[in-house]
Structures are given as C-alpha cells and as structure tokens.
Protein backbone atom coordinates (compact mmCIF):
# COMPACT_ATOMS: atom_id res chain seq x y z
CA MET A 1 96.00 104.09 131.98
CA SER A 2 93.24 102.12 130.30
CA ALA A 3 94.10 99.32 127.90
CA ARG A 4 92.66 101.32 125.01
CA ARG A 5 94.79 104.38 125.77
CA GLN A 6 97.86 102.23 126.23
CA ARG A 7 97.28 100.60 122.83
CA TRP A 8 96.81 104.04 121.26
CA ALA A 9 100.08 105.26 122.80
CA GLN A 10 101.89 102.20 121.47
CA CYS A 11 100.56 102.88 117.98
CA VAL A 12 101.72 106.50 118.11
CA VAL A 13 105.20 105.48 119.28
CA PHE A 14 105.41 102.87 116.53
CA LEU A 15 104.39 105.37 113.84
CA LEU A 16 106.97 107.88 115.07
CA TRP A 17 109.63 105.17 115.05
CA LEU A 18 108.61 104.15 111.52
CA ALA A 19 108.82 107.74 110.27
CA LEU A 20 112.27 108.13 111.81
CA GLN A 21 113.47 104.91 110.17
CA ALA A 22 112.22 106.08 106.78
CA HIS A 23 114.10 109.35 107.21
CA VAL A 24 117.34 107.67 108.34
CA LEU A 25 117.21 105.03 105.63
CA ASN A 26 116.57 107.59 102.93
CA GLY A 27 118.84 110.38 104.12
CA CYS A 28 121.43 112.27 102.18
CA PRO A 29 124.46 110.21 101.10
CA PRO A 30 127.60 111.25 103.01
CA GLU A 31 129.42 112.17 99.79
CA CYS A 32 126.73 114.68 98.80
CA SER A 33 124.95 117.66 100.28
CA CYS A 34 121.17 117.86 100.23
CA GLN A 35 118.92 120.85 100.49
CA GLY A 36 115.29 119.92 100.18
CA SER A 37 114.83 117.97 96.96
CA VAL A 38 118.14 119.18 95.45
CA ILE A 39 121.07 116.78 95.77
CA ASP A 40 124.54 118.20 95.10
CA CYS A 41 127.18 115.55 94.44
CA SER A 42 129.34 117.77 92.23
CA HIS A 43 133.13 118.11 92.49
CA ARG A 44 133.47 115.00 94.71
CA LYS A 45 135.73 112.83 92.50
CA LEU A 46 133.00 110.19 92.42
CA VAL A 47 133.54 107.17 90.18
CA ARG A 48 129.93 105.99 90.50
CA VAL A 49 126.54 107.45 91.32
CA PRO A 50 125.97 107.38 95.11
CA ARG A 51 123.54 104.82 96.48
CA ASN A 52 120.49 105.55 98.63
CA LEU A 53 119.63 108.91 97.12
CA PRO A 54 116.51 110.49 98.66
CA TYR A 55 113.36 109.32 96.88
CA GLY A 56 111.94 112.84 96.68
CA ALA A 57 114.94 114.23 94.77
CA THR A 58 113.99 116.49 91.87
CA ARG A 59 117.50 117.64 90.92
CA LEU A 60 120.77 115.70 91.06
CA ASP A 61 124.05 117.47 90.28
CA LEU A 62 126.86 115.09 89.32
CA ARG A 63 129.04 117.58 87.46
CA ASN A 64 132.84 117.42 87.58
CA ASN A 65 133.25 113.89 88.87
CA ARG A 66 135.04 110.85 87.47
CA LEU A 67 131.97 108.95 86.29
CA SER A 68 132.74 106.81 83.26
CA ALA A 69 129.45 104.91 83.01
CA LEU A 70 125.95 104.87 84.43
CA ARG A 71 124.35 101.63 85.61
CA GLY A 72 120.76 100.69 84.91
CA ASP A 73 119.84 100.81 88.59
CA ASP A 74 121.54 104.12 89.44
CA PHE A 75 118.26 106.03 89.39
CA VAL A 76 115.75 103.42 90.57
CA GLY A 77 113.10 104.96 92.81
CA LEU A 78 113.87 108.53 91.72
CA ASP A 79 110.53 109.03 89.99
CA ARG A 80 110.48 112.77 90.74
CA LEU A 81 113.91 113.47 89.26
CA ARG A 82 113.58 116.25 86.67
CA SER A 83 117.14 117.51 86.28
CA LEU A 84 120.37 115.59 86.07
C-alpha cells in the first residue's frame, strides 16, 4: 500500500473512531429511554435531571418524578429542546 493510501486509511479510521466516541459520550442516560430526539425520563423517581442528555433532544419528559428544583446547568447544550 502506498504511503498516501495508508495515510488516507488512517484518516478514515480516525474519523470513524471519533464519530463512535461522540455517539457513546452523548448516548441516552441509563435512567431514561430515548427514541430519536425524544427523551422519556418519566415515572423514574428521579430527584434530579439526568446528566449527559443527547444534544439533539427536542422533547424531554420528566413527568411524575421527585424533582424539587432545577439547576441552572440542567439544560446546557440542549439548544434544540422545544418541549419539557
């Protein structure tokens, strides 16, 4: 394999790895269920908003939990959130 092709293959592998890391790091929290951009964290007896919610979330259902307060950073990065 030529040096140029080998470098190209390394770049492709790196980009695939990077995409996988982004998906893993921004996956659905274990205490919720996610379907597309809808995050369902209802009826889970949560006392705080889960961390690491997917950035592309448009709807977040937190009904019927034990939340007593919301923190200022609970929704950081959720710029597409339209329904809470």
